[in-house]
Protein backbone atom coordinates (compact mmCIF):
# COMPACT_ATOMS: atom_id res chain seq x y z
CA UNK A 1 15.31 -5.25 16.89
CA UNK A 2 15.78 -5.27 13.14
CA UNK A 3 14.54 -8.26 11.17
CA UNK A 4 16.65 -9.95 8.52
CA UNK A 5 15.74 -8.85 4.98
CA UNK A 6 14.88 -12.45 4.07
CA UNK A 7 12.46 -12.75 7.00
CA UNK A 8 11.01 -9.37 6.11
CA UNK A 9 10.31 -10.58 2.57
CA UNK A 10 8.71 -13.79 3.85
CA UNK A 11 6.53 -11.79 6.25
CA UNK A 12 5.45 -9.47 3.44
CA UNK A 13 4.60 -12.40 1.17
CA UNK A 14 2.61 -14.05 3.97
CA UNK A 15 0.62 -10.86 4.53
CA UNK A 16 -0.10 -10.56 0.81
CA UNK A 17 -1.25 -14.18 0.55
CA UNK A 18 -3.49 -13.73 3.59
CA UNK A 19 -5.03 -10.59 2.07
CA UNK A 20 -5.68 -12.47 -1.19
CA UNK A 21 -7.31 -15.40 0.64
CA UNK A 22 -9.60 -13.25 2.76
């Protein structure tokens, strides 16, 4: 299943923020 571009962007931002926090 393909994700919507908007959800993809949100997921990428969440991963980046998690990496910054850790």
